[in-house]
Amino acid sequence: MTKHRAIHFIVPVLLIVLFLGNAHGDQVRVRSGIAIESSLPVPEVRVLSVNDGPQDVYELKVVMETPWKTSETLVRPVWAVNEENRVLFNVSPDPGSKGRYPVIVELMFRDRAGIPMNVFEVSTFSMGHNDQPDIRLSSKGSRLYLSDDLEVMLVNAGKEDLTVNCRLVHPPSIAVERETMETQLKASSSATPVFHITNRYAAIGNVVPVYVVAEYRKVGIHDTVFTKTGITVVSYREAYPWVRGLLWILLVLSGVAALRLFYHQTP
């Protein structure tokens, strides 16, 4: 077999083997949590976070969002592995606010390659309202290759018709066609809003945590529920498993053809 003819078989075989492989990103692991003190004269939100590695990260900034105000602070230029970070925010609700309101905390930083990364924590802040919410909210997550639909289950367990605003809180590695959507729910009914998501740069093998936050009003009271779910980033062969079998068949056929040419080459 000539070198030129051999290359025609070796290159496709190598490409198929590479395609069958899988690449996993070196994901930075961060633990974080929120503690809310709503009974104080000036309510507080305390944020505790730890960089679990495997690398230092840079330009750490913490942002807190409430319906009344967005606050942010640049914490440190370098956040070392195993280092704790504590931030205290004060909350200033509007006078007369009553109900349960969302508190969204975002940790923003860059890894050593300069890629922006975000970690979110969501909780609720109660103002004179501790009744059980009428809305039940859940999501099973999704498996994402290039794009997928993230389904959300909304159930109105109350006796009033409600208008529910759903918002998907997500890191920039995932893009969403519509981050908020409004759903009309009759009493004792359910609905399934769908967020269409695409992968921007989330690495294969990572599970990207996202939150769905649902807000509504009833009888002068604002209420909020939320749920956390995960988007599993998969490879092409995991998203389309039948392709893996086809590629193995092509690999075997290419090898057989190469051997036939090798043993039956003409002088």
Protein backbone atom coordinates (compact mmCIF):
# COMPACT_ATOMS: atom_id res chain seq x y z
CA MET A 1 0.00 0.00 0.00
CA THR A 2 1.40 3.43 -0.91
CA LYS A 3 1.75 6.16 1.73
CA HIS A 4 -0.87 8.24 -0.08
CA ARG A 5 -3.41 5.41 -0.07
CA ALA A 6 -2.66 4.56 3.56
CA ILE A 7 -3.34 8.14 4.65
CA HIS A 8 -6.79 7.94 3.05
CA PHE A 9 -7.66 5.17 5.52
CA ILE A 10 -5.66 6.23 8.58
CA VAL A 11 -7.10 9.77 8.75
CA PRO A 12 -10.80 8.70 8.83
CA VAL A 13 -9.99 6.03 11.43
CA LEU A 14 -8.22 8.57 13.68
CA LEU A 15 -11.10 11.04 13.31
CA ILE A 16 -13.62 8.39 14.30
CA VAL A 17 -11.56 7.39 17.38
CA LEU A 18 -11.27 11.03 18.44
CA PHE A 19 -14.99 11.52 17.96
CA LEU A 20 -15.72 8.53 20.17
CA GLY A 21 -13.70 10.10 22.97
CA ASN A 22 -14.98 12.58 25.52
CA ALA A 23 -13.59 15.82 26.95
CA HIS A 24 -14.36 17.05 30.42
CA GLY A 25 -13.75 20.56 31.65
CA ASP A 26 -11.79 21.44 34.77
CA GLN A 27 -14.70 22.89 36.70
CA VAL A 28 -14.14 25.27 39.60
CA ARG A 29 -16.10 24.08 42.64
CA VAL A 30 -17.62 26.71 44.92
CA ARG A 31 -19.83 26.17 47.97
CA SER A 32 -22.07 29.02 49.01
CA GLY A 33 -25.08 29.76 51.19
CA ILE A 34 -27.37 32.58 52.30
CA ALA A 35 -28.58 33.46 55.79
CA ILE A 36 -31.39 36.03 56.04
CA GLU A 37 -32.25 37.95 59.22
CA SER A 38 -35.58 39.64 58.48
CA SER A 39 -36.50 40.39 62.13
CA LEU A 40 -33.71 42.95 62.65
CA PRO A 41 -34.45 46.72 62.50
CA VAL A 42 -32.33 46.73 59.32
CA PRO A 43 -32.75 43.27 57.73
CA GLU A 44 -29.54 41.53 56.70
CA VAL A 45 -28.44 39.02 54.10
CA ARG A 46 -25.23 37.16 54.94
CA VAL A 47 -23.37 35.30 52.20
CA LEU A 48 -20.76 32.64 52.99
CA SER A 49 -18.79 30.99 50.20
CA VAL A 50 -15.73 28.73 49.91
CA ASN A 51 -13.51 28.08 46.90
CA ASP A 52 -13.08 24.28 46.86
CA GLY A 53 -10.64 24.42 43.94
CA PRO A 54 -8.97 22.96 42.03
CA GLN A 55 -7.63 26.43 41.13
CA ASP A 56 -7.49 29.99 42.41
CA VAL A 57 -9.98 32.36 40.79
CA TYR A 58 -9.83 36.08 40.17
CA GLU A 59 -11.81 39.32 40.37
CA LEU A 60 -14.41 37.98 42.80
CA LYS A 61 -17.51 40.16 42.98
CA VAL A 62 -20.71 39.46 44.93
CA VAL A 63 -24.05 40.91 43.80
CA MET A 64 -27.35 40.80 45.70
CA GLU A 65 -30.63 41.47 43.90
CA THR A 66 -33.98 42.16 45.58
CA PRO A 67 -37.14 43.76 44.15
CA TRP A 68 -36.13 47.01 45.87
CA LYS A 69 -32.41 47.26 45.19
CA THR A 70 -29.36 45.68 43.57
CA SER A 71 -26.12 45.90 45.57
CA GLU A 72 -22.66 44.72 44.63
CA THR A 73 -19.20 44.63 46.14
CA LEU A 74 -15.77 43.78 44.73
CA VAL A 75 -14.48 41.40 47.39
CA ARG A 76 -10.95 40.46 46.35
CA PRO A 77 -8.72 40.31 43.26
CA VAL A 78 -7.62 36.72 44.02
CA TRP A 79 -9.75 34.05 45.70
CA ALA A 80 -7.44 31.22 46.73
CA VAL A 81 -8.33 27.54 47.02
CA ASN A 82 -9.97 26.66 50.40
CA GLU A 83 -10.39 30.34 51.25
CA GLU A 84 -13.67 31.47 52.85
CA ASN A 85 -15.45 34.61 51.78
CA ARG A 86 -18.07 36.43 53.86
CA VAL A 87 -20.23 39.34 52.71
CA LEU A 88 -22.97 41.23 54.56
CA PHE A 89 -25.74 43.13 52.73
CA ASN A 90 -28.46 45.30 54.26
CA VAL A 91 -31.97 45.11 52.81
CA SER A 92 -34.26 48.14 52.60
CA PRO A 93 -37.80 47.02 51.66
CA ASP A 94 -40.27 49.59 50.41
CA PRO A 95 -42.71 50.80 53.10
CA GLY A 96 -45.85 48.71 53.17
CA SER A 97 -44.27 45.71 51.44
CA LYS A 98 -46.02 42.53 52.50
CA GLY A 99 -45.39 39.01 51.34
CA ARG A 100 -42.51 36.81 50.28
CA TYR A 101 -39.92 38.31 47.94
CA PRO A 102 -36.92 36.80 46.09
CA VAL A 103 -33.32 37.36 47.13
CA ILE A 104 -30.81 36.44 44.42
CA VAL A 105 -27.09 36.39 45.20
CA GLU A 106 -24.55 36.04 42.41
CA LEU A 107 -20.84 35.33 42.80
CA MET A 108 -18.93 36.50 39.71
CA PHE A 109 -15.29 35.61 39.02
CA ARG A 110 -12.86 34.43 36.35
CA ASP A 111 -10.84 31.24 36.22
CA ARG A 112 -7.12 31.18 35.39
CA ALA A 113 -7.93 31.09 31.67
CA GLY A 114 -9.97 34.30 32.03
CA ILE A 115 -13.32 32.58 31.43
CA PRO A 116 -16.15 34.31 33.35
CA MET A 117 -17.96 32.08 35.85
CA ASN A 118 -21.00 32.65 38.03
CA VAL A 119 -22.51 30.91 41.04
CA PHE A 120 -26.06 31.71 42.17
CA GLU A 121 -27.93 31.28 45.40
CA VAL A 122 -31.66 32.05 45.69
CA SER A 123 -33.80 32.42 48.79
CA THR A 124 -36.93 34.30 49.88
CA PHE A 125 -37.42 37.24 52.22
CA SER A 126 -40.67 37.33 54.25
CA MET A 127 -42.42 40.54 55.28
CA GLY A 128 -45.41 39.73 57.53
CA HIS A 129 -46.39 36.68 55.48
CA ASN A 130 -45.62 33.04 56.32
CA ASP A 131 -48.62 31.23 54.83
CA GLN A 132 -48.09 28.24 52.56
CA PRO A 133 -47.80 29.38 48.92
CA ASP A 134 -50.57 28.43 46.49
CA ILE A 135 -48.09 27.68 43.71
CA ARG A 136 -46.16 24.41 43.55
CA LEU A 137 -43.06 24.57 41.37
CA SER A 138 -40.72 21.82 40.11
CA SER A 139 -38.39 20.90 37.26
CA LYS A 140 -36.54 17.71 36.34
CA GLY A 141 -33.70 19.56 34.62
CA SER A 142 -32.42 18.70 31.17
CA ARG A 143 -29.59 17.10 29.18
CA LEU A 144 -27.94 19.69 26.96
CA TYR A 145 -25.73 19.16 23.93
CA LEU A 146 -26.23 22.22 21.72
CA SER A 147 -29.80 23.17 22.67
CA ASP A 148 -32.67 21.72 24.63
CA ASP A 149 -35.96 22.59 26.37
CA LEU A 150 -36.13 22.97 30.14
CA GLU A 151 -39.66 22.16 31.28
CA VAL A 152 -41.15 23.65 34.44
CA MET A 153 -44.20 22.26 36.22
CA LEU A 154 -46.51 24.86 37.78
CA VAL A 155 -49.48 23.80 39.91
CA ASN A 156 -52.02 26.24 41.34
CA ALA A 157 -53.25 24.54 44.52
CA GLY A 158 -55.32 27.56 45.57
CA LYS A 159 -58.86 28.68 44.94
CA GLU A 160 -58.01 31.84 42.96
CA ASP A 161 -56.93 32.34 39.36
CA LEU A 162 -53.33 33.58 39.32
CA THR A 163 -50.90 35.24 36.94
CA VAL A 164 -47.47 33.71 37.53
CA ASN A 165 -44.21 35.22 36.27
CA CYS A 166 -41.43 32.65 35.89
CA ARG A 167 -37.77 33.60 35.58
CA LEU A 168 -34.78 31.38 34.86
CA VAL A 169 -31.69 32.37 36.87
CA HIS A 170 -28.65 30.94 35.09
CA PRO A 171 -24.90 31.49 34.54
CA PRO A 172 -23.60 33.01 31.28
CA SER A 173 -22.35 29.62 30.06
CA ILE A 174 -26.01 28.90 29.23
CA ALA A 175 -28.13 31.15 27.00
CA VAL A 176 -31.92 31.34 27.24
CA GLU A 177 -34.27 32.45 24.48
CA ARG A 178 -36.70 34.06 26.97
CA GLU A 179 -35.53 34.48 30.54
CA THR A 180 -38.99 35.40 31.86
CA MET A 181 -42.46 34.28 30.86
CA GLU A 182 -45.97 34.87 32.14
CA THR A 183 -48.46 32.06 32.71
CA GLN A 184 -52.18 32.33 33.48
CA LEU A 185 -53.27 29.63 35.91
CA LYS A 186 -56.86 28.86 36.77
CA ALA A 187 -57.64 27.70 40.31
CA SER A 188 -56.70 24.03 40.85
CA SER A 189 -54.96 23.77 37.49
CA SER A 190 -51.46 23.23 36.18
CA ALA A 191 -49.24 24.39 33.31
CA THR A 192 -45.83 23.54 31.85
CA PRO A 193 -43.83 26.59 30.75
CA VAL A 194 -40.76 25.76 28.66
CA PHE A 195 -37.42 27.60 28.57
CA HIS A 196 -35.44 27.03 25.38
CA ILE A 197 -31.75 26.91 26.32
CA THR A 198 -28.49 26.69 24.36
CA ASN A 199 -24.94 25.89 25.39
CA ARG A 200 -22.49 28.78 25.03
CA TYR A 201 -19.33 27.35 26.62
CA ALA A 202 -20.30 24.93 29.42
CA ALA A 203 -17.91 21.96 29.38
CA ILE A 204 -19.04 18.40 28.66
CA GLY A 205 -19.63 16.46 31.86
CA ASN A 206 -20.52 19.47 33.99
CA VAL A 207 -23.89 19.89 35.67
CA VAL A 208 -24.89 23.56 35.47
CA PRO A 209 -27.14 24.55 38.39
CA VAL A 210 -30.02 26.91 37.58
CA TYR A 211 -32.96 28.30 39.53
CA VAL A 212 -36.55 28.84 38.45
CA VAL A 213 -38.20 31.69 40.38
CA ALA A 214 -41.99 32.11 40.22
CA GLU A 215 -43.72 35.25 41.53
CA TYR A 216 -47.42 36.15 41.78
CA ARG A 217 -49.85 38.37 43.69
CA LYS A 218 -53.07 37.57 45.49
CA VAL A 219 -55.24 39.79 47.70
CA GLY A 220 -52.56 42.47 48.01
CA ILE A 221 -49.82 40.01 48.96
CA HIS A 222 -46.78 39.28 46.84
CA ASP A 223 -45.56 35.69 46.95
CA THR A 224 -42.51 33.86 45.63
CA VAL A 225 -41.52 30.23 45.21
CA PHE A 226 -38.38 28.82 43.63
CA THR A 227 -36.74 25.54 42.74
CA LYS A 228 -33.18 24.52 41.90
CA THR A 229 -32.42 22.08 39.12
CA GLY A 230 -29.48 21.00 36.97
CA ILE A 231 -28.60 21.08 33.29
CA THR A 232 -26.29 18.18 32.45
CA VAL A 233 -23.95 19.02 29.56
CA VAL A 234 -23.51 15.94 27.38
CA SER A 235 -21.42 15.05 24.35
CA TYR A 236 -22.78 14.37 20.89
CA ARG A 237 -22.51 10.62 21.42
CA GLU A 238 -24.49 10.87 24.67
CA ALA A 239 -27.16 13.04 23.09
CA TYR A 240 -27.41 10.74 20.06
CA PRO A 241 -26.30 7.27 21.28
CA TRP A 242 -27.14 5.56 17.98
CA VAL A 243 -24.31 7.53 16.32
CA ARG A 244 -21.77 5.76 18.56
CA GLY A 245 -22.79 2.37 17.16
CA LEU A 246 -22.63 3.68 13.60
CA LEU A 247 -19.14 5.11 14.14
CA TRP A 248 -17.87 1.81 15.53
CA ILE A 249 -19.21 0.06 12.42
CA LEU A 250 -17.42 2.59 10.20
CA LEU A 251 -14.25 2.11 12.24
CA VAL A 252 -14.34 -1.67 11.76
CA LEU A 253 -15.13 -1.39 8.04
CA SER A 254 -12.29 1.10 7.54
CA GLY A 255 -9.89 -1.26 9.32
CA VAL A 256 -11.02 -4.26 7.26
CA ALA A 257 -10.67 -2.29 4.03
CA ALA A 258 -7.17 -1.13 5.02
CA LEU A 259 -6.09 -4.71 5.77
CA ARG A 260 -7.51 -6.00 2.46
CA LEU A 261 -5.57 -3.38 0.54
CA PHE A 262 -2.43 -4.15 2.50
CA TYR A 263 -2.52 -7.91 1.79
CA HIS A 264 -3.82 -7.68 -1.78
CA GLN A 265 -1.82 -4.78 -3.11
CA THR A 266 -0.63 -5.13 -6.68
CA PRO A 267 3.03 -4.87 -7.56
